[in-house]
Amino acid sequence: MKVNSSEKRVTATRIFSAVMFAALLLGTAPAGAEEKAQPLSLQNKALITSPAPEAVLPTVDAQKQLAADALVGKAGPLRFAVPVFVEYTPNNSGVWQSVPGGRLWRLAVVSTNATDLNFGFTQYWLPDGATLHVIAALDNSFEGPYTSTDNSDAAQLWTPVLPGERATVELFVPASASEEPRLTLTQIGTGYRDLCYKSQSIPKAGSCELDVVCPQSLGWSDEIRSVARIQIGGSGLCSGTLVVNAAKDGRPYFLTANHCEITAANAASVVFYWNYQSPTCGSHGLTPTNSGTSSGAIFRAARSDSDFCLVELTQMPAAKHRVYYAGWDRSGVAPSSGVATHHPNGDGKCISFTAGALTTIDNCIGTGGGSTGTHWKAPWSNPTTNGVTEPGSSGSGIFDATTHLLVGDLSGGLSSCTAAAADLWDCFGKFSQSWTTGPSSDQRLRDWLDPQNVSATTVTGLDPQLTSLMILSNIALVAETCLPTNGVIDPGESVTVSFALKNFGGVATTNLVVTLLATNGVLNPGAAQNYGAIASGGMAVRSFTFTGCGTCGGRSEEHTSE
């Protein structure tokens, strides 16, 4: 599918062996849980007729866990919670009750002395109208509502942390629901680093770290918006950067480090914390404001020698979070100085400045099987004025201080606010090494960030607020010719399919024309459709006719295009 006039591009990605049209490349779902409607139990406490049954988890010993972390001898994500494996469903736990318009299921969870809790549902599917919330007992803060818009191919949902040792899972199912929800809670992260800032006794960022609201960050506001703290598997933390691709089409790729241990198996568990930063300079312990989250990712590529990992978000960051897509430089030319933006010790976002030029070194964390010249050495000096990195900063990007383009991601080093002068440096995996060194698409960046092979050496960043950004919001099969109809696109069948496009950018389109391409199982596509003017946040729906490849009623090979 090709979009003219606004210079946007949307392409069909898959027609499966059943030759069912599945999705569009830019068909990333909008953020379903960003609309903070209250759970029913908080809207009207009189509705609740009995307390939720309580699931008691092991007690948390924060000092024991912190001591254990200090003994870890290998690079990895910063551990912040102990995962507790459970199997709670609305059929085997909790309590149901009738409420106006439907049914309500509630289950309380408690882990004594936990500083915070997070929840991993490895089976998640809700019918239209159903809502899921998780509510903290400490202050009635909540995450949700999660709805049918959060249903995904991975069929999983992982939540951000909520403060305190007790929380309640609350599921509302409307009487009009066409099917029963499928919900299984299989992991609860019991926190011990106090990510919600309710205690001042847990270590946070070092005193020399510079909050991104400090005066030193002047001129770096765009790049700062591209950086997020990430939660992996409900128990680990790293940092990373939202990066633009050569097409500048807004596809949400995110770069972090391979040693953060994201794989195809656990990518759905990644939670992205946007704008997680202190509101005042020098106040690491203050609760960040205006922050928000996205949940879920798809693993795309990783490699241990240059220590990179690339994932693609399955949920677009909400427009109100004003994220920025960082630009990049794959030339391999050493910058004369560098700037890193990161989350030291999982704390609010900070910024650090090198003391001079980046130089080429080998991998400094012992991964990569003896490869040489894979990393940049970033020298720090005078941490009090320039900052450093710490555990939890892993995966964060380093930018060329002159061009503001990303040139690498953090592997590690010995730097800290109290490190000796000889240890004030870190190593960052070179973007240029990660670009083409790998032997296949799942081990290099090029295939994802430049799939059309335009051979760009540098690409400037993208601010969605300054452009129109078209995302597939919905797709529906309107008509089919093979009888009896079956609700899927059969090989050889002529069909009509409607595509709803939503503008996630900050600028309206004026004369948006979309063409369906004859590729990936689409034959004989009909005429281009004029979507016209779509305001920021607006949506328009048009229908296309085409023929699925193969013989009507037959089978076809799977066609894919990344």
Protein backbone atom coordinates (compact mmCIF):
# COMPACT_ATOMS: atom_id res chain seq x y z
CA MET A 1 0.00 0.00 0.00
CA LYS A 2 1.50 3.34 -0.99
CA VAL A 3 0.52 6.72 0.40
CA ASN A 4 1.09 9.74 -1.81
CA SER A 5 0.86 13.50 -1.22
CA SER A 6 1.86 13.30 2.45
CA GLU A 7 4.98 11.24 1.60
CA LYS A 8 3.93 8.46 3.99
CA ARG A 9 4.10 4.79 3.12
CA VAL A 10 2.03 1.87 4.37
CA THR A 11 2.73 -1.63 3.05
CA ALA A 12 0.98 -4.98 3.37
CA THR A 13 3.10 -7.38 5.42
CA ARG A 14 1.65 -10.87 5.44
CA ILE A 15 -0.81 -13.15 3.76
CA PHE A 16 -0.66 -16.44 5.63
CA SER A 17 -0.87 -19.98 4.19
CA ALA A 18 -4.63 -19.77 4.68
CA VAL A 19 -4.16 -16.61 2.61
CA MET A 20 -5.85 -14.40 5.12
CA PHE A 21 -4.86 -10.76 4.97
CA ALA A 22 -3.35 -10.11 8.39
CA ALA A 23 -2.01 -6.58 8.99
CA LEU A 24 -0.09 -3.56 7.74
CA LEU A 25 3.53 -2.79 8.57
CA LEU A 26 2.47 0.36 10.35
CA GLY A 27 -0.41 -1.41 12.07
CA THR A 28 0.93 -0.86 15.57
CA ALA A 29 -1.90 -0.58 18.05
CA PRO A 30 -2.61 2.66 19.87
CA ALA A 31 -1.92 2.71 23.58
CA GLY A 32 -4.98 1.12 25.12
CA ALA A 33 -4.33 1.82 28.79
CA GLU A 34 -3.48 5.51 28.45
CA GLU A 35 -7.09 6.64 28.95
CA LYS A 36 -7.15 6.60 32.75
CA ALA A 37 -10.81 5.83 33.45
CA GLN A 38 -11.19 4.71 37.04
CA PRO A 39 -12.02 1.12 37.97
CA LEU A 40 -15.59 0.54 39.16
CA SER A 41 -14.48 -0.10 42.74
CA LEU A 42 -13.10 3.45 42.93
CA GLN A 43 -15.92 5.06 40.98
CA ASN A 44 -18.53 3.73 43.40
CA LYS A 45 -17.25 1.99 46.53
CA ALA A 46 -20.81 1.06 47.47
CA LEU A 47 -20.83 -1.42 44.58
CA ILE A 48 -18.35 -3.69 46.37
CA THR A 49 -20.32 -6.16 48.48
CA SER A 50 -17.41 -8.18 49.90
CA PRO A 51 -13.61 -7.89 50.16
CA ALA A 52 -11.53 -9.54 47.45
CA PRO A 53 -9.98 -12.88 48.43
CA GLU A 54 -6.29 -12.47 49.20
CA ALA A 55 -3.41 -14.33 47.53
CA VAL A 56 -0.43 -14.23 49.88
CA LEU A 57 3.04 -14.23 48.29
CA PRO A 58 6.46 -14.63 49.95
CA THR A 59 7.76 -11.78 52.10
CA VAL A 60 10.38 -9.52 50.50
CA ASP A 61 13.77 -8.94 52.16
CA ALA A 62 15.12 -5.88 50.34
CA GLN A 63 18.55 -5.86 51.97
CA LYS A 64 19.07 -9.53 51.20
CA GLN A 65 18.19 -8.99 47.54
CA LEU A 66 20.41 -5.90 47.23
CA ALA A 67 23.31 -7.81 48.78
CA ALA A 68 22.79 -10.64 46.30
CA ASP A 69 22.82 -8.18 43.41
CA ALA A 70 26.15 -6.77 44.59
CA LEU A 71 27.72 -10.22 44.15
CA VAL A 72 26.60 -10.72 40.53
CA GLY A 73 29.69 -10.96 38.33
CA LYS A 74 28.22 -10.67 34.84
CA ALA A 75 26.57 -7.97 32.81
CA GLY A 76 22.80 -8.02 32.78
CA PRO A 77 19.74 -5.90 33.44
CA LEU A 78 19.48 -4.23 36.84
CA ARG A 79 17.33 -6.51 38.97
CA PHE A 80 14.56 -4.73 40.89
CA ALA A 81 12.00 -7.41 41.77
CA VAL A 82 11.75 -11.09 42.67
CA PRO A 83 9.42 -12.88 40.24
CA VAL A 84 6.80 -15.08 41.89
CA PHE A 85 5.23 -17.64 39.57
CA VAL A 86 1.51 -18.24 40.01
CA GLU A 87 -1.53 -19.33 38.01
CA TYR A 88 -4.55 -17.24 38.87
CA THR A 89 -7.58 -17.02 36.61
CA PRO A 90 -11.16 -15.79 37.08
CA ASN A 91 -12.14 -19.48 37.21
CA ASN A 92 -9.83 -20.66 40.01
CA SER A 93 -9.38 -17.65 42.30
CA GLY A 94 -10.84 -14.32 43.36
CA VAL A 95 -14.54 -13.56 43.57
CA TRP A 96 -17.24 -12.62 41.07
CA GLN A 97 -20.18 -10.34 41.80
CA SER A 98 -22.97 -8.80 39.79
CA VAL A 99 -22.82 -5.07 39.12
CA PRO A 100 -24.98 -2.79 36.98
CA GLY A 101 -24.35 -3.68 33.35
CA GLY A 102 -22.34 -6.85 33.95
CA ARG A 103 -20.03 -8.77 36.29
CA LEU A 104 -16.97 -7.83 38.32
CA TRP A 105 -14.08 -10.16 39.29
CA ARG A 106 -11.56 -9.12 41.93
CA LEU A 107 -8.42 -10.70 43.41
CA ALA A 108 -6.15 -9.12 46.02
CA VAL A 109 -2.40 -9.87 46.09
CA VAL A 110 -0.07 -9.15 49.00
CA SER A 111 3.70 -9.56 49.44
CA THR A 112 4.77 -8.20 52.82
CA ASN A 113 7.54 -5.57 52.62
CA ALA A 114 7.44 -5.38 48.83
CA THR A 115 8.18 -1.82 47.74
CA ASP A 116 6.13 -2.23 44.58
CA LEU A 117 4.36 -4.87 42.50
CA ASN A 118 4.00 -5.58 38.79
CA PHE A 119 1.86 -8.15 36.99
CA GLY A 120 2.44 -10.45 34.02
CA PHE A 121 -0.54 -12.00 32.26
CA THR A 122 0.70 -14.60 29.78
CA GLN A 123 -2.83 -15.24 28.58
CA TYR A 124 -4.72 -12.06 27.81
CA TRP A 125 -7.78 -11.59 25.63
CA LEU A 126 -10.77 -9.39 26.45
CA PRO A 127 -14.06 -9.04 24.57
CA ASP A 128 -15.29 -5.60 23.55
CA GLY A 129 -16.50 -3.61 26.53
CA ALA A 130 -14.48 -5.52 29.12
CA THR A 131 -11.90 -3.65 31.22
CA LEU A 132 -8.97 -4.73 33.40
CA HIS A 133 -7.39 -2.60 36.15
CA VAL A 134 -4.70 -3.21 38.75
CA ILE A 135 -5.11 -1.00 41.84
CA ALA A 136 -2.53 -0.23 44.54
CA ALA A 137 -3.91 -0.36 48.09
CA LEU A 138 -1.30 2.15 49.28
CA ASP A 139 -2.69 5.18 47.50
CA ASN A 140 -5.41 3.89 45.14
CA SER A 141 -3.20 4.58 42.13
CA PHE A 142 -3.97 2.19 39.28
CA GLU A 143 -2.96 0.94 35.88
CA GLY A 144 -5.64 0.58 33.21
CA PRO A 145 -8.15 0.31 31.87
CA TYR A 146 -6.74 -2.40 29.65
CA THR A 147 -9.32 -3.36 27.01
CA SER A 148 -9.81 -5.32 23.80
CA THR A 149 -7.52 -2.80 22.09
CA ASP A 150 -4.69 -4.37 24.11
CA ASN A 151 -5.36 -7.82 22.63
CA SER A 152 -2.27 -8.82 20.66
CA ASP A 153 -0.76 -11.66 18.68
CA ALA A 154 1.38 -12.50 21.72
CA ALA A 155 -1.79 -12.70 23.86
CA GLN A 156 0.15 -11.24 26.80
CA LEU A 157 -0.04 -8.15 28.99
CA TRP A 158 2.62 -6.87 31.41
CA THR A 159 2.01 -3.92 33.69
CA PRO A 160 4.24 -1.17 35.06
CA VAL A 161 4.96 -1.14 38.80
CA LEU A 162 2.43 -0.02 41.38
CA PRO A 163 3.51 1.18 44.84
CA GLY A 164 3.33 -0.87 48.00
CA GLU A 165 2.94 -4.47 49.08
CA ARG A 166 -0.71 -4.96 48.19
CA ALA A 167 -2.74 -4.54 45.00
CA THR A 168 -6.05 -5.73 43.57
CA VAL A 169 -6.73 -7.08 40.09
CA GLU A 170 -10.18 -6.03 38.90
CA LEU A 171 -11.93 -7.29 35.76
CA PHE A 172 -15.27 -5.98 34.50
CA VAL A 173 -17.19 -8.00 31.90
CA PRO A 174 -20.30 -6.39 30.37
CA ALA A 175 -23.50 -8.38 30.05
CA SER A 176 -23.31 -7.82 26.30
CA ALA A 177 -19.92 -9.56 25.96
CA SER A 178 -19.90 -11.97 23.02
CA GLU A 179 -17.29 -14.25 24.62
CA GLU A 180 -15.74 -14.96 27.98
CA PRO A 181 -12.43 -13.22 28.71
CA ARG A 182 -9.29 -15.34 28.66
CA LEU A 183 -7.04 -14.13 31.44
CA THR A 184 -4.25 -15.93 33.28
CA LEU A 185 -1.95 -14.16 35.74
CA THR A 186 1.28 -16.18 35.80
CA GLN A 187 3.88 -13.86 37.32
CA ILE A 188 3.93 -11.15 39.97
CA GLY A 189 7.10 -9.08 40.40
CA THR A 190 7.65 -8.29 44.09
CA GLY A 191 9.87 -5.21 44.16
CA TYR A 192 12.70 -4.29 46.50
CA ARG A 193 14.27 -1.15 44.93
CA ASP A 194 11.25 1.10 45.47
CA LEU A 195 10.68 2.29 41.92
CA CYS A 196 7.74 4.37 43.09
CA TYR A 197 9.83 6.55 45.45
CA LYS A 198 7.92 5.81 48.65
CA SER A 199 11.11 5.18 50.66
CA GLN A 200 14.36 7.11 50.87
CA SER A 201 16.38 4.14 52.14
CA ILE A 202 16.84 2.34 48.79
CA PRO A 203 19.85 3.36 46.62
CA LYS A 204 19.00 5.48 43.60
CA ALA A 205 21.13 7.45 41.13
CA GLY A 206 24.50 8.67 42.39
CA SER A 207 24.78 12.21 43.68
CA CYS A 208 26.86 13.31 40.67
CA GLU A 209 24.22 12.38 38.10
CA LEU A 210 22.58 15.24 36.18
CA ASP A 211 18.80 15.20 35.83
CA VAL A 212 17.68 15.96 32.30
CA VAL A 213 15.95 19.10 33.56
CA CYS A 214 19.27 20.54 34.76
CA PRO A 215 20.74 23.50 32.82
CA GLN A 216 23.48 21.31 31.29
CA SER A 217 20.88 19.56 29.13
CA LEU A 218 19.98 22.72 27.23
CA GLY A 219 19.73 21.93 23.51
CA TRP A 220 19.13 18.19 24.04
CA SER A 221 15.38 18.16 24.65
CA ASP A 222 14.61 16.21 21.46
CA GLU A 223 17.07 13.40 22.11
CA ILE A 224 15.99 13.24 25.77
CA ARG A 225 12.43 12.49 24.63
CA SER A 226 13.66 9.45 22.66
CA VAL A 227 15.07 7.70 25.75
CA ALA A 228 13.06 5.36 27.97
CA ARG A 229 13.57 3.13 30.97
CA ILE A 230 12.59 -0.43 30.14
CA GLN A 231 11.28 -3.20 32.39
CA ILE A 232 12.08 -6.73 31.23
CA GLY A 233 10.34 -9.88 32.41
CA GLY A 234 8.87 -8.07 35.39
CA SER A 235 12.21 -8.16 37.23
CA GLY A 236 14.97 -6.32 35.29
CA LEU A 237 15.67 -2.74 34.19
CA CYS A 238 17.72 -1.20 31.37
CA SER A 239 17.68 1.96 29.28
CA GLY A 240 17.32 2.46 25.54
CA THR A 241 16.42 4.75 22.67
CA LEU A 242 13.52 5.03 20.22
CA VAL A 243 15.17 5.26 16.78
CA VAL A 244 13.99 6.42 13.39
CA ASN A 245 14.26 4.29 10.26
CA ALA A 246 15.47 5.52 6.89
CA ALA A 247 11.89 5.80 5.58
CA LYS A 248 10.93 8.05 8.52
CA ASP A 249 7.53 6.39 8.63
CA GLY A 250 7.22 6.26 12.41
CA ARG A 251 7.70 2.54 12.80
CA PRO A 252 8.58 2.29 16.53
CA TYR A 253 12.00 0.62 16.73
CA PHE A 254 13.85 0.70 20.03
CA LEU A 255 17.58 0.14 20.51
CA THR A 256 19.09 -1.25 23.72
CA ALA A 257 21.85 -3.69 24.70
CA ASN A 258 21.99 -7.42 24.02
CA HIS A 259 23.09 -8.06 27.61
CA CYS A 260 19.73 -6.68 28.78
CA GLU A 261 18.56 -10.20 27.88
CA ILE A 262 15.58 -9.45 25.65
CA THR A 263 14.76 -12.39 23.37
CA ALA A 264 11.96 -13.46 21.05
CA ALA A 265 10.55 -15.42 23.99
CA ASN A 266 10.28 -12.51 26.45
CA ALA A 267 9.97 -9.41 24.24
CA ALA A 268 6.23 -9.24 24.96
CA SER A 269 7.10 -8.59 28.63
CA VAL A 270 8.98 -5.34 27.95
CA VAL A 271 7.38 -2.22 29.44
CA PHE A 272 8.59 1.20 28.25
CA TYR A 273 8.57 4.15 30.69
CA TRP A 274 8.47 7.46 28.79
CA ASN A 275 9.41 10.84 30.33
CA TYR A 276 10.40 9.10 33.55
CA GLN A 277 12.39 11.99 34.97
CA SER A 278 12.57 14.25 37.99
CA PRO A 279 10.64 17.53 37.71
CA THR A 280 13.48 19.48 39.35
CA CYS A 281 17.26 19.48 38.95
CA GLY A 282 19.16 17.49 41.57
CA SER A 283 16.10 15.75 43.03
CA HIS A 284 16.52 12.14 41.90
CA GLY A 285 14.21 10.91 44.68
CA LEU A 286 11.18 12.97 43.67
CA THR A 287 8.39 11.18 41.87
CA PRO A 288 8.66 11.76 38.11
CA THR A 289 5.81 13.72 36.56
CA ASN A 290 4.10 13.47 33.16
CA SER A 291 5.43 9.95 32.67
CA GLY A 292 3.59 7.23 30.80
CA THR A 293 4.11 3.70 29.58
CA SER A 294 3.79 1.38 26.60
CA SER A 295 3.67 -2.39 26.95
CA GLY A 296 4.91 -5.15 24.65
CA ALA A 297 7.48 -5.54 21.90
CA ILE A 298 8.59 -7.87 19.11
CA PHE A 299 12.21 -9.01 19.01
CA ARG A 300 13.89 -8.03 15.75
CA ALA A 301 17.67 -8.42 16.04
CA ALA A 302 20.55 -8.76 18.51
CA ARG A 303 24.26 -9.53 18.57
CA SER A 304 26.68 -10.09 21.45
CA ASP A 305 29.93 -8.71 20.00
CA SER A 306 28.67 -5.15 19.50
CA ASP A 307 26.12 -5.81 22.27
CA PHE A 308 22.99 -4.43 20.63
CA CYS A 309 19.34 -5.46 20.67
CA LEU A 310 16.58 -4.02 18.49
CA VAL A 311 12.90 -4.50 19.27
CA GLU A 312 9.73 -3.07 17.77
CA LEU A 313 7.00 -1.77 20.04
CA THR A 314 3.61 -3.40 19.63
CA GLN A 315 1.91 -0.36 21.13
CA MET A 316 2.49 3.19 19.93
CA PRO A 317 3.44 5.65 22.68
CA ALA A 318 0.51 7.97 23.34
CA ALA A 319 0.70 11.28 21.50
CA LYS A 320 0.57 13.18 24.81
CA HIS A 321 4.00 11.78 25.75
CA ARG A 322 5.59 13.63 22.80
CA VAL A 323 8.24 11.00 22.09
CA TYR A 324 11.04 11.68 19.62
CA TYR A 325 12.66 9.24 17.19
CA ALA A 326 16.43 9.65 17.47
CA GLY A 327 18.51 9.97 14.31
CA TRP A 328 21.65 7.90 13.79
CA ASP A 329 25.07 7.76 12.16
CA ARG A 330 26.44 4.44 10.89
CA SER A 331 29.62 5.86 9.35
CA GLY A 332 31.91 4.69 12.13
CA VAL A 333 33.66 8.08 12.23
CA ALA A 334 34.70 8.85 15.82
CA PRO A 335 32.86 11.83 17.34
CA SER A 336 34.99 14.51 18.97
CA SER A 337 32.75 14.26 22.04
CA GLY A 338 29.64 12.39 23.13
CA VAL A 339 26.46 12.77 25.16
CA ALA A 340 24.61 9.91 26.88
CA THR A 341 21.05 9.96 28.21
CA HIS A 342 20.06 7.12 30.54
CA HIS A 343 18.39 5.87 33.74
CA PRO A 344 21.14 5.29 36.34
CA ASN A 345 20.08 2.69 38.93
CA GLY A 346 16.66 2.75 37.31
CA ASP A 347 16.18 6.29 38.60
CA GLY A 348 14.84 9.33 36.75
CA LYS A 349 16.42 10.14 33.38
CA CYS A 350 19.89 11.73 33.50
CA ILE A 351 22.40 13.14 31.01
CA SER A 352 26.19 12.74 30.87
CA PHE A 353 28.93 14.42 28.80
CA THR A 354 32.25 12.88 27.76
CA ALA A 355 35.56 14.55 28.53
CA GLY A 356 36.81 14.24 24.96
CA ALA A 357 36.71 12.19 21.78
CA LEU A 358 35.38 8.66 21.50
CA THR A 359 38.01 6.08 20.55
CA THR A 360 37.79 2.52 19.26
CA ILE A 361 38.22 -0.37 21.71
CA ASP A 362 37.12 -3.98 22.10
CA ASN A 363 34.01 -5.10 23.94
CA CYS A 364 34.65 -4.30 27.63
CA ILE A 365 32.11 -6.68 29.21
CA GLY A 366 33.51 -9.93 27.86
CA THR A 367 30.82 -10.85 25.34
CA GLY A 368 31.24 -11.32 21.60
CA GLY A 369 33.74 -14.17 21.29
CA GLY A 370 36.93 -12.16 20.84
CA SER A 371 35.73 -9.70 18.22
CA THR A 372 37.85 -6.54 18.06
CA GLY A 373 37.09 -2.87 17.51
CA THR A 374 33.39 -3.27 18.23
CA HIS A 375 33.02 -0.46 20.77
CA TRP A 376 33.52 3.20 21.49
CA LYS A 377 35.45 4.16 24.62
CA ALA A 378 33.73 7.14 26.24
CA PRO A 379 35.93 9.03 28.74
CA TRP A 380 34.26 10.84 31.64
CA SER A 381 35.87 13.38 33.96
CA ASN A 382 34.69 15.51 36.85
CA PRO A 383 31.48 13.49 37.40
CA THR A 384 29.97 16.25 39.53
CA THR A 385 29.61 18.53 36.52
CA ASN A 386 29.52 16.01 33.63
CA GLY A 387 27.87 12.88 35.07
CA VAL A 388 28.67 9.20 34.42
CA THR A 389 26.64 5.99 33.92
CA GLU A 390 25.57 3.33 36.43
CA PRO A 391 23.79 -0.05 36.51
CA GLY A 392 20.40 0.48 34.88
CA SER A 393 21.98 2.78 32.28
CA SER A 394 22.80 -0.28 30.14
CA GLY A 395 21.51 -0.05 26.59
CA SER A 396 21.29 3.74 26.59
CA GLY A 397 22.51 5.55 23.52
CA ILE A 398 25.49 7.82 23.09
CA PHE A 399 25.10 10.72 20.68
CA ASP A 400 27.67 12.65 18.69
CA ALA A 401 27.73 15.97 20.58
CA THR A 402 28.05 17.92 17.33
CA THR A 403 25.48 16.22 15.08
CA HIS A 404 23.10 14.94 17.79
CA LEU A 405 23.03 11.56 16.00
CA LEU A 406 23.14 8.21 17.80
CA VAL A 407 26.42 6.33 17.36
CA GLY A 408 26.23 3.52 19.93
CA ASP A 409 24.56 1.82 22.91
CA LEU A 410 26.01 1.29 26.39
CA SER A 411 27.59 -2.04 27.28
CA GLY A 412 29.23 -1.11 30.58
CA GLY A 413 32.37 -0.04 32.38
CA LEU A 414 33.69 0.88 35.81
CA SER A 415 32.50 4.46 35.98
CA SER A 416 30.58 5.75 39.00
CA CYS A 417 30.30 8.97 40.98
CA THR A 418 33.13 7.77 43.25
CA ALA A 419 35.33 5.90 40.75
CA ALA A 420 39.06 6.51 40.55
CA ALA A 421 40.21 8.65 37.66
CA ALA A 422 41.55 5.61 35.78
CA ASP A 423 38.09 3.99 35.87
CA LEU A 424 36.13 6.97 34.58
CA TRP A 425 35.20 5.51 31.21
CA ASP A 426 32.61 3.20 29.64
CA CYS A 427 32.25 1.31 26.38
CA PHE A 428 29.37 1.68 23.92
CA GLY A 429 28.70 -0.83 21.13
CA LYS A 430 29.24 0.87 17.79
CA PHE A 431 26.13 1.50 15.72
CA SER A 432 28.32 1.03 12.63
CA GLN A 433 29.35 -2.46 13.80
CA SER A 434 25.76 -3.44 14.55
CA TRP A 435 24.62 -2.22 11.12
CA THR A 436 25.88 -5.01 8.82
CA THR A 437 28.30 -7.23 10.78
CA GLY A 438 25.73 -9.95 11.52
CA PRO A 439 25.22 -12.78 8.99
CA SER A 440 21.41 -12.58 9.01
CA SER A 441 18.58 -10.10 9.55
CA ASP A 442 18.16 -11.13 13.19
CA GLN A 443 21.77 -10.11 13.90
CA ARG A 444 22.05 -6.71 12.25
CA LEU A 445 20.30 -3.34 12.13
CA ARG A 446 20.34 -2.67 8.39
CA ASP A 447 17.41 -4.93 7.48
CA TRP A 448 15.10 -3.12 9.90
CA LEU A 449 16.25 0.48 9.82
CA ASP A 450 16.82 0.56 6.05
CA PRO A 451 14.69 -2.23 4.52
CA GLN A 452 14.46 -0.42 1.16
CA ASN A 453 18.28 -0.28 1.11
CA VAL A 454 18.53 3.41 0.35
CA SER A 455 22.04 3.17 1.82
CA ALA A 456 21.72 6.19 4.04
CA THR A 457 24.83 6.78 6.15
CA THR A 458 23.09 9.24 8.45
CA VAL A 459 19.41 9.85 9.16
CA THR A 460 18.18 12.83 11.16
CA GLY A 461 15.62 12.41 13.92
CA LEU A 462 11.85 12.54 13.61
CA ASP A 463 9.44 14.55 15.77
CA PRO A 464 5.92 13.16 15.27
CA GLN A 465 4.49 16.48 16.48
CA LEU A 466 5.94 18.19 13.41
CA THR A 467 4.59 15.85 10.75
CA SER A 468 1.64 13.64 9.88
CA LEU A 469 2.14 10.02 10.90
CA MET A 470 -0.33 7.50 9.55
CA ILE A 471 -1.00 4.31 11.53
CA LEU A 472 -3.40 1.51 10.64
CA SER A 473 -6.11 1.61 13.29
CA ASN A 474 -8.40 -1.13 12.02
CA ILE A 475 -8.91 -3.52 9.12
CA ALA A 476 -12.14 -5.30 8.17
CA LEU A 477 -13.20 -7.73 5.45
CA VAL A 478 -16.24 -6.08 3.85
CA ALA A 479 -17.11 -8.44 0.98
CA GLU A 480 -15.91 -11.75 -0.51
CA THR A 481 -16.85 -13.73 -3.62
CA CYS A 482 -16.02 -17.36 -2.72
CA LEU A 483 -19.18 -19.12 -1.50
CA PRO A 484 -20.00 -19.96 1.13
CA THR A 485 -18.36 -16.92 2.71
CA ASN A 486 -16.01 -17.75 5.58
CA GLY A 487 -14.70 -14.44 6.91
CA VAL A 488 -11.17 -14.93 5.52
CA ILE A 489 -9.45 -14.17 2.23
CA ASP A 490 -9.11 -17.39 0.22
CA PRO A 491 -6.63 -17.88 -2.63
CA GLY A 492 -8.13 -16.61 -5.87
CA GLU A 493 -10.96 -14.80 -4.11
CA SER A 494 -11.89 -11.22 -4.99
CA VAL A 495 -12.52 -9.24 -1.83
CA THR A 496 -13.18 -5.77 -0.51
CA VAL A 497 -11.28 -4.74 2.61
CA SER A 498 -11.65 -1.50 4.57
CA PHE A 499 -8.61 0.19 6.10
CA ALA A 500 -8.94 2.74 8.89
CA LEU A 501 -5.94 5.07 9.10
CA LYS A 502 -5.33 7.25 12.16
CA ASN A 503 -3.04 10.25 12.19
CA PHE A 504 -0.73 9.94 15.20
CA GLY A 505 1.32 12.93 14.08
CA GLY A 506 0.84 16.53 15.11
CA VAL A 507 0.15 17.86 11.59
CA ALA A 508 -3.00 17.27 9.53
CA THR A 509 -2.83 15.69 6.09
CA THR A 510 -4.21 17.73 3.22
CA ASN A 511 -4.71 15.35 0.30
CA LEU A 512 -3.76 11.88 1.49
CA VAL A 513 -3.92 9.34 -1.36
CA VAL A 514 -3.35 5.64 -0.64
CA THR A 515 -2.50 2.97 -3.20
CA LEU A 516 -2.66 -0.76 -2.46
CA LEU A 517 0.43 -2.44 -3.92
CA ALA A 518 0.33 -5.68 -5.93
CA THR A 519 2.67 -7.56 -3.61
CA ASN A 520 2.70 -10.10 -0.77
CA GLY A 521 -0.28 -12.05 -2.06
CA VAL A 522 -2.30 -9.06 -3.33
CA LEU A 523 -3.28 -9.35 -7.00
CA ASN A 524 -5.20 -6.93 -9.21
CA PRO A 525 -5.55 -4.15 -6.63
CA GLY A 526 -8.24 -1.61 -7.30
CA ALA A 527 -7.93 2.12 -7.73
CA ALA A 528 -6.15 4.38 -5.26
CA GLN A 529 -8.34 5.90 -2.56
CA ASN A 530 -8.33 9.50 -1.40
CA TYR A 531 -8.34 9.75 2.40
CA GLY A 532 -8.21 13.53 2.09
CA ALA A 533 -7.57 15.70 5.14
CA ILE A 534 -7.06 13.84 8.42
CA ALA A 535 -6.54 16.04 11.46
CA SER A 536 -4.03 15.21 14.17
CA GLY A 537 -5.63 12.41 16.16
CA GLY A 538 -8.27 11.95 13.47
CA MET A 539 -9.16 8.85 11.46
CA ALA A 540 -10.58 8.03 8.05
CA VAL A 541 -11.79 4.74 6.52
CA ARG A 542 -11.65 3.69 2.85
CA SER A 543 -12.16 0.36 1.09
CA PHE A 544 -9.95 -1.45 -1.44
CA THR A 545 -10.69 -4.35 -3.76
CA PHE A 546 -8.12 -6.98 -4.74
CA THR A 547 -7.67 -10.70 -5.41
CA GLY A 548 -5.84 -13.06 -3.12
CA CYS A 549 -3.12 -15.11 -4.85
CA GLY A 550 -3.66 -18.81 -5.62
CA THR A 551 -6.74 -20.83 -6.63
CA CYS A 552 -10.14 -20.31 -5.02
CA GLY A 553 -10.53 -22.93 -2.29
CA GLY A 554 -6.93 -24.06 -2.65
CA ARG A 555 -3.74 -23.62 -0.65
CA SER A 556 -0.94 -21.13 -1.06
CA GLU A 557 2.58 -20.65 0.23
CA GLU A 558 3.08 -18.11 3.01
CA HIS A 559 4.18 -14.75 1.70
CA THR A 560 6.05 -12.43 4.02
CA SER A 561 7.69 -9.07 3.77
CA GLU A 562 9.50 -7.36 6.61
